[in-house]
PDB file of N, CA and C in Angstrom:
ATOM      1  N   MET A   1     130.263  65.552 239.909  1.00  0.00           N
ATOM      2  CA  MET A   1     131.426  65.922 239.141  1.00  0.00           C
ATOM      3  C   MET A   1     132.643  65.866 240.064  1.00  0.00           C
ATOM      4  N   LEU A   2     133.665  65.214 239.632  1.00  0.00           N
ATOM      5  CA  LEU A   2     134.902  65.079 240.400  1.00  0.00           C
ATOM      6  C   LEU A   2     135.938  66.046 239.825  1.00  0.00           C
ATOM      7  N   VAL A   3     136.503  66.873 240.677  1.00  0.00           N
ATOM      8  CA  VAL A   3     137.521  67.830 240.245  1.00  0.00           C
ATOM      9  C   VAL A   3     138.824  67.492 240.957  1.00  0.00           C
ATOM     10  N   ALA A   4     139.849  67.222 240.202  1.00  0.00           N
ATOM     11  CA  ALA A   4     141.164  66.923 240.785  1.00  0.00           C
ATOM     12  C   ALA A   4     141.979  68.209 240.830  1.00  0.00           C
ATOM     13  N   ARG A   5     142.576  68.477 241.959  1.00  0.00           N
ATOM     14  CA  ARG A   5     143.411  69.666 242.091  1.00  0.00           C
ATOM     15  C   ARG A   5     144.868  69.258 242.059  1.00  0.00           C
ATOM     16  N   GLU A   6     145.594  69.964 241.266  1.00  0.00           N
ATOM     17  CA  GLU A   6     147.014  69.689 241.124  1.00  0.00           C
ATOM     18  C   GLU A   6     147.777  70.307 242.293  1.00  0.00           C
ATOM     19  N   LYS A   7     148.715  69.568 242.832  1.00  0.00           N
ATOM     20  CA  LYS A   7     149.517  70.057 243.950  1.00  0.00           C
ATOM     21  C   LYS A   7     150.502  71.118 243.461  1.00  0.00           C
ATOM     22  N   LEU A   8     150.587  72.227 244.212  1.00  0.00           N
ATOM     23  CA  LEU A   8     151.550  73.283 243.920  1.00  0.00           C
ATOM     24  C   LEU A   8     152.731  73.156 244.872  1.00  0.00           C
ATOM     25  N   ILE A   9     153.915  73.361 244.349  1.00  0.00           N
ATOM     26  CA  ILE A   9     155.137  73.255 245.143  1.00  0.00           C
ATOM     27  C   ILE A   9     155.786  74.631 245.202  1.00  0.00           C
ATOM     28  N   TYR A  10     156.009  75.122 246.413  1.00  0.00           N
ATOM     29  CA  TYR A  10     156.574  76.455 246.629  1.00  0.00           C
ATOM     30  C   TYR A  10     158.012  76.328 247.104  1.00  0.00           C
ATOM     31  N   SER A  11     158.870  77.220 246.613  1.00  0.00           N
ATOM     32  CA  SER A  11     160.252  77.256 247.092  1.00  0.00           C
ATOM     33  C   SER A  11     160.757  78.697 247.060  1.00  0.00           C
ATOM     34  N   TRP A  12     161.620  79.033 248.015  1.00  0.00           N
ATOM     35  CA  TRP A  12     162.191  80.374 248.130  1.00  0.00           C
ATOM     36  C   TRP A  12     163.690  80.333 247.901  1.00  0.00           C
ATOM     37  N   THR A  13     164.206  81.345 247.213  1.00  0.00           N
ATOM     38  CA  THR A  13     165.646  81.541 247.071  1.00  0.00           C
ATOM     39  C   THR A  13     165.932  83.026 247.258  1.00  0.00           C
ATOM     40  N   ARG A  14     167.163  83.320 247.578  1.00  0.00           N
ATOM     41  CA  ARG A  14     167.606  84.712 247.660  1.00  0.00           C
ATOM     42  C   ARG A  14     168.551  84.927 246.495  1.00  0.00           C
ATOM     43  N   LEU A  15     168.279  85.952 245.695  1.00  0.00           N
ATOM     44  CA  LEU A  15     169.100  86.207 244.518  1.00  0.00           C
ATOM     45  C   LEU A  15     170.422  86.840 244.933  1.00  0.00           C
ATOM     46  N   TYR A  16     171.502  86.341 244.391  1.00  0.00           N
ATOM     47  CA  TYR A  16     172.850  86.900 244.542  1.00  0.00           C
ATOM     48  C   TYR A  16     173.436  86.780 245.948  1.00  0.00           C
ATOM     49  N   ALA A  17     172.800  86.041 246.836  1.00  0.00           N
ATOM     50  CA  ALA A  17     173.333  85.863 248.187  1.00  0.00           C
ATOM     51  C   ALA A  17     172.677  84.634 248.813  1.00  0.00           C
ATOM     52  N   PRO A  18     173.314  84.064 249.827  1.00  0.00           N
ATOM     53  CA  PRO A  18     172.689  82.915 250.492  1.00  0.00           C
ATOM     54  C   PRO A  18     171.474  83.341 251.329  1.00  0.00           C
ATOM     55  N   MET A  19     170.581  82.412 251.544  1.00  0.00           N
ATOM     56  CA  MET A  19     169.416  82.652 252.388  1.00  0.00           C
ATOM     57  C   MET A  19     169.908  82.905 253.818  1.00  0.00           C
ATOM     58  N   PRO A  20     169.303  83.866 254.532  1.00  0.00           N
ATOM     59  CA  PRO A  20     169.734  84.143 255.902  1.00  0.00           C
ATOM     60  C   PRO A  20     169.572  82.921 256.810  1.00  0.00           C
ATOM     61  N   LYS A  21     170.523  82.748 257.711  1.00  0.00           N
ATOM     62  CA  LYS A  21     170.392  81.683 258.707  1.00  0.00           C
ATOM     63  C   LYS A  21     169.200  82.023 259.587  1.00  0.00           C
ATOM     64  N   GLY A  22     168.453  81.036 259.931  1.00  0.00           N
ATOM     65  CA  GLY A  22     167.290  81.252 260.781  1.00  0.00           C
ATOM     66  C   GLY A  22     166.022  81.592 260.032  1.00  0.00           C
ATOM     67  N   ALA A  23     166.062  81.678 258.712  1.00  0.00           N
ATOM     68  CA  ALA A  23     164.839  81.915 257.943  1.00  0.00           C
ATOM     69  C   ALA A  23     163.895  80.730 258.163  1.00  0.00           C
ATOM     70  N   ILE A  24     162.636  81.035 258.409  1.00  0.00           N
ATOM     71  CA  ILE A  24     161.642  80.000 258.710  1.00  0.00           C
ATOM     72  C   ILE A  24     160.627  79.946 257.574  1.00  0.00           C
ATOM     73  N   PHE A  25     160.369  78.744 257.090  1.00  0.00           N
ATOM     74  CA  PHE A  25     159.385  78.532 256.026  1.00  0.00           C
ATOM     75  C   PHE A  25     158.176  77.829 256.631  1.00  0.00           C
ATOM     76  N   SER A  26     156.976  78.311 256.298  1.00  0.00           N
ATOM     77  CA  SER A  26     155.765  77.719 256.855  1.00  0.00           C
ATOM     78  C   SER A  26     154.656  77.699 255.809  1.00  0.00           C
ATOM     79  N   ASP A  27     153.528  77.117 256.200  1.00  0.00           N
ATOM     80  CA  ASP A  27     152.355  77.023 255.339  1.00  0.00           C
ATOM     81  C   ASP A  27     152.711  76.421 253.975  1.00  0.00           C
ATOM     82  N   TYR A  28     153.309  75.235 254.020  1.00  0.00           N
ATOM     83  CA  TYR A  28     153.727  74.508 252.817  1.00  0.00           C
ATOM     84  C   TYR A  28     154.737  75.308 251.998  1.00  0.00           C
ATOM     85  N   ASN A  29     155.627  76.010 252.680  1.00  0.00           N
ATOM     86  CA  ASN A  29     156.684  76.843 252.074  1.00  0.00           C
ATOM     87  C   ASN A  29     156.150  78.083 251.374  1.00  0.00           C
ATOM     88  N   ARG A  30     154.890  78.426 251.598  1.00  0.00           N
ATOM     89  CA  ARG A  30     154.340  79.635 250.972  1.00  0.00           C
ATOM     90  C   ARG A  30     154.770  80.901 251.696  1.00  0.00           C
ATOM     91  N   VAL A  31     155.201  80.778 252.951  1.00  0.00           N
ATOM     92  CA  VAL A  31     155.537  81.941 253.778  1.00  0.00           C
ATOM     93  C   VAL A  31     156.977  81.815 254.263  1.00  0.00           C
ATOM     94  N   ILE A  32     157.725  82.915 254.136  1.00  0.00           N
ATOM     95  CA  ILE A  32     159.069  82.978 254.702  1.00  0.00           C
ATOM     96  C   ILE A  32     159.044  84.032 255.807  1.00  0.00           C
ATOM     97  N   THR A  33     159.662  83.706 256.946  1.00  0.00           N
ATOM     98  CA  THR A  33     159.737  84.638 258.065  1.00  0.00           C
ATOM     99  C   THR A  33     161.199  84.813 258.451  1.00  0.00           C
ATOM    100  N   ILE A  34     161.617  86.062 258.555  1.00  0.00           N
ATOM    101  CA  ILE A  34     162.977  86.378 259.008  1.00  0.00           C
ATOM    102  C   ILE A  34     162.821  87.285 260.222  1.00  0.00           C
ATOM    103  N   HIS A  35     163.122  86.751 261.392  1.00  0.00           N
ATOM    104  CA  HIS A  35     163.020  87.528 262.625  1.00  0.00           C
ATOM    105  C   HIS A  35     164.242  88.432 262.778  1.00  0.00           C
ATOM    106  N   ASN A  36     164.049  89.571 263.425  1.00  0.00           N
ATOM    107  CA  ASN A  36     165.145  90.498 263.721  1.00  0.00           C
ATOM    108  C   ASN A  36     165.918  90.864 262.450  1.00  0.00           C
ATOM    109  N   VAL A  37     165.205  91.388 261.470  1.00  0.00           N
ATOM    110  CA  VAL A  37     165.802  91.725 260.183  1.00  0.00           C
ATOM    111  C   VAL A  37     166.947  92.719 260.362  1.00  0.00           C
ATOM    112  N   GLN A  38     168.045  92.449 259.697  1.00  0.00           N
ATOM    113  CA  GLN A  38     169.254  93.262 259.769  1.00  0.00           C
ATOM    114  C   GLN A  38     169.591  93.809 258.375  1.00  0.00           C
ATOM    115  N   LEU A  39     170.496  94.761 258.334  1.00  0.00           N
ATOM    116  CA  LEU A  39     170.951  95.330 257.067  1.00  0.00           C
ATOM    117  C   LEU A  39     171.474  94.237 256.133  1.00  0.00           C
ATOM    118  N   ALA A  40     172.100  93.226 256.697  1.00  0.00           N
ATOM    119  CA  ALA A  40     172.651  92.130 255.887  1.00  0.00           C
ATOM    120  C   ALA A  40     171.566  91.313 255.178  1.00  0.00           C
ATOM    121  N   HIS A  41     170.313  91.462 255.586  1.00  0.00           N
ATOM    122  CA  HIS A  41     169.214  90.718 254.968  1.00  0.00           C
ATOM    123  C   HIS A  41     168.634  91.425 253.750  1.00  0.00           C
ATOM    124  N   GLU A  42     169.129  92.633 253.457  1.00  0.00           N
ATOM    125  CA  GLU A  42     168.652  93.347 252.271  1.00  0.00           C
ATOM    126  C   GLU A  42     168.864  92.493 251.023  1.00  0.00           C
ATOM    127  N   GLY A  43     167.967  92.645 250.090  1.00  0.00           N
ATOM    128  CA  GLY A  43     168.132  91.939 248.826  1.00  0.00           C
ATOM    129  C   GLY A  43     166.814  91.512 248.238  1.00  0.00           C
ATOM    130  N   THR A  44     166.907  90.723 247.188  1.00  0.00           N
ATOM    131  CA  THR A  44     165.726  90.234 246.490  1.00  0.00           C
ATOM    132  C   THR A  44     165.543  88.751 246.771  1.00  0.00           C
ATOM    133  N   TYR A  45     164.346  88.408 247.173  1.00  0.00           N
ATOM    134  CA  TYR A  45     163.971  87.025 247.467  1.00  0.00           C
ATOM    135  C   TYR A  45     162.947  86.593 246.430  1.00  0.00           C
ATOM    136  N   ARG A  46     163.073  85.380 245.948  1.00  0.00           N
ATOM    137  CA  ARG A  46     162.182  84.883 244.897  1.00  0.00           C
ATOM    138  C   ARG A  46     161.381  83.682 245.399  1.00  0.00           C
ATOM    139  N   CYS A  47     160.075  83.750 245.203  1.00  0.00           N
ATOM    140  CA  CYS A  47     159.198  82.614 245.489  1.00  0.00           C
ATOM    141  C   CYS A  47     158.831  81.973 244.157  1.00  0.00           C
ATOM    142  N   ARG A  48     159.171  80.720 244.015  1.00  0.00           N
ATOM    143  CA  ARG A  48     158.867  79.975 242.790  1.00  0.00           C
ATOM    144  C   ARG A  48     157.734  79.002 243.092  1.00  0.00           C
ATOM    145  N   VAL A  49     156.760  78.972 242.192  1.00  0.00           N
ATOM    146  CA  VAL A  49     155.630  78.055 242.322  1.00  0.00           C
ATOM    147  C   VAL A  49     155.645  77.128 241.124  1.00  0.00           C
ATOM    148  N   MET A  50     155.675  75.816 241.417  1.00  0.00           N
ATOM    149  CA  MET A  50     155.725  74.816 240.349  1.00  0.00           C
ATOM    150  C   MET A  50     154.520  73.885 240.453  1.00  0.00           C
ATOM    151  N   ARG A  51     153.992  73.529 239.311  1.00  0.00           N
ATOM    152  CA  ARG A  51     152.932  72.531 239.244  1.00  0.00           C
ATOM    153  C   ARG A  51     153.567  71.172 238.976  1.00  0.00           C
ATOM    154  N   GLN A  52     152.870  70.139 239.352  1.00  0.00           N
ATOM    155  CA  GLN A  52     153.389  68.795 239.131  1.00  0.00           C
ATOM    156  C   GLN A  52     153.603  68.504 237.652  1.00  0.00           C
ATOM    157  N   LEU A  53     152.860  69.173 236.774  1.00  0.00           N
ATOM    158  CA  LEU A  53     152.997  68.932 235.336  1.00  0.00           C
ATOM    159  C   LEU A  53     154.152  69.726 234.717  1.00  0.00           C
ATOM    160  N   GLY A  54     154.889  70.478 235.541  1.00  0.00           N
ATOM    161  CA  GLY A  54     156.070  71.159 235.047  1.00  0.00           C
ATOM    162  C   GLY A  54     155.935  72.649 234.813  1.00  0.00           C
ATOM    163  N   GLN A  55     154.729  73.177 234.829  1.00  0.00           N
ATOM    164  CA  GLN A  55     154.574  74.623 234.652  1.00  0.00           C
ATOM    165  C   GLN A  55     155.105  75.342 235.880  1.00  0.00           C
ATOM    166  N   GLU A  56     155.655  76.537 235.663  1.00  0.00           N
ATOM    167  CA  GLU A  56     156.300  77.260 236.751  1.00  0.00           C
ATOM    168  C   GLU A  56     156.129  78.763 236.580  1.00  0.00           C
ATOM    169  N   THR A  57     156.041  79.466 237.703  1.00  0.00           N
ATOM    170  CA  THR A  57     156.031  80.922 237.708  1.00  0.00           C
ATOM    171  C   THR A  57     156.744  81.379 238.970  1.00  0.00           C
ATOM    172  N   HIS A  58     157.036  82.670 239.054  1.00  0.00           N
ATOM    173  CA  HIS A  58     157.698  83.174 240.253  1.00  0.00           C
ATOM    174  C   HIS A  58     157.328  84.633 240.493  1.00  0.00           C
ATOM    175  N   GLY A  59     157.575  85.062 241.715  1.00  0.00           N
ATOM    176  CA  GLY A  59     157.396  86.455 242.099  1.00  0.00           C
ATOM    177  C   GLY A  59     158.582  86.874 242.949  1.00  0.00           C
ATOM    178  N   ASP A  60     159.003  88.118 242.813  1.00  0.00           N
ATOM    179  CA  ASP A  60     160.154  88.619 243.560  1.00  0.00           C
ATOM    180  C   ASP A  60     159.713  89.602 244.637  1.00  0.00           C
ATOM    181  N   LEU A  61     160.409  89.560 245.755  1.00  0.00           N
ATOM    182  CA  LEU A  61     160.181  90.454 246.878  1.00  0.00           C
ATOM    183  C   LEU A  61     161.520  91.091 247.225  1.00  0.00           C
ATOM    184  N   THR A  62     161.575  92.416 247.235  1.00  0.00           N
ATOM    185  CA  THR A  62     162.820  93.107 247.563  1.00  0.00           C
ATOM    186  C   THR A  62     162.697  93.732 248.944  1.00  0.00           C
ATOM    187  N   ILE A  63     163.662  93.439 249.802  1.00  0.00           N
ATOM    188  CA  ILE A  63     163.723  94.026 251.141  1.00  0.00           C
ATOM    189  C   ILE A  63     164.804  95.097 251.125  1.00  0.00           C
ATOM    190  N   ALA A  64     164.413  96.321 251.442  1.00  0.00           N
ATOM    191  CA  ALA A  64     165.355  97.444 251.529  1.00  0.00           C
ATOM    192  C   ALA A  64     165.276  97.990 252.952  1.00  0.00           C
ATOM    193  N   ILE A  65     166.396  98.039 253.617  1.00  0.00           N
ATOM    194  CA  ILE A  65     166.462  98.515 254.994  1.00  0.00           C
ATOM    195  C   ILE A  65     166.848  99.995 254.969  1.00  0.00           C
ATOM    196  N   GLU A  66     166.040 100.809 255.605  1.00  0.00           N
ATOM    197  CA  GLU A  66     166.332 102.235 255.704  1.00  0.00           C
ATOM    198  C   GLU A  66     166.401 102.610 257.172  1.00  0.00           C
ATOM    199  N   GLY A  67     167.216 103.572 257.467  1.00  0.00           N
ATOM    200  CA  GLY A  67     167.329 104.007 258.851  1.00  0.00           C
ATOM    201  C   GLY A  67     167.963 105.375 258.921  1.00  0.00           C
ATOM    202  N   THR A  68     168.024 105.890 260.108  1.00  0.00           N
ATOM    203  CA  THR A  68     168.650 107.179 260.343  1.00  0.00           C
ATOM    204  C   THR A  68     170.015 106.947 260.981  1.00  0.00           C
ATOM    205  N   TRP A  69     171.010 107.544 260.402  1.00  0.00           N
ATOM    206  CA  TRP A  69     172.361 107.403 260.933  1.00  0.00           C
ATOM    207  C   TRP A  69     172.618 108.526 261.931  1.00  0.00           C
ATOM    208  N   ALA A  70     173.278 108.202 262.995  1.00  0.00           N
ATOM    209  CA  ALA A  70     173.639 109.200 263.988  1.00  0.00           C
ATOM    210  C   ALA A  70     175.059 108.905 264.458  1.00  0.00           C
ATOM    211  N   ILE A  71     175.832 109.941 264.536  1.00  0.00           N
ATOM    212  CA  ILE A  71     177.193 109.806 265.048  1.00  0.00           C
ATOM    213  C   ILE A  71     177.288 110.703 266.279  1.00  0.00           C
ATOM    214  N   SER A  72     177.709 110.118 267.351  1.00  0.00           N
ATOM    215  CA  SER A  72     177.855 110.932 268.554  1.00  0.00           C
ATOM    216  C   SER A  72     179.311 110.929 269.000  1.00  0.00           C
ATOM    217  N   PHE A  73     179.734 112.034 269.493  1.00  0.00           N
ATOM    218  CA  PHE A  73     181.097 112.146 270.014  1.00  0.00           C
ATOM    219  C   PHE A  73     181.128 113.229 271.086  1.00  0.00           C
ATOM    220  N   ALA A  74     182.103 113.123 271.937  1.00  0.00           N
ATOM    221  CA  ALA A  74     182.214 114.085 273.032  1.00  0.00           C
ATOM    222  C   ALA A  74     182.877 115.365 272.525  1.00  0.00           C
ATOM    223  N   LEU A  75     182.300 116.481 272.918  1.00  0.00           N
ATOM    224  CA  LEU A  75     182.869 117.784 272.578  1.00  0.00           C
ATOM    225  C   LEU A  75     183.952 118.162 273.595  1.00  0.00           C
ATOM    226  N   LYS A  76     185.012 118.745 273.125  1.00  0.00           N
ATOM    227  CA  LYS A  76     186.050 119.214 274.028  1.00  0.00           C
ATOM    228  C   LYS A  76     185.625 120.563 274.591  1.00  0.00           C
ATOM    229  N   THR A  77     185.754 120.730 275.875  1.00  0.00           N
ATOM    230  CA  THR A  77     185.381 122.018 276.501  1.00  0.00           C
ATOM    231  C   THR A  77     186.568 122.680 277.136  1.00  0.00           C
TER     232      THR A  77
END
């Protein structure tokens, strides 16, 4: 029995903002890597998967950066 597998095409977009410079796509565009994530990278990223016959689906990934704020200043004595 011969089984033909349809090729899947993966693509990433960032909703409402441009993709960060330096974003790396690997494993046939299935993986996105952003090194040294910054507050500016917050947002929703969408992975779209398309079949050669035109069917399509997607999944969203939201990155939220949380941290502790600290303000330091010299006390007058």
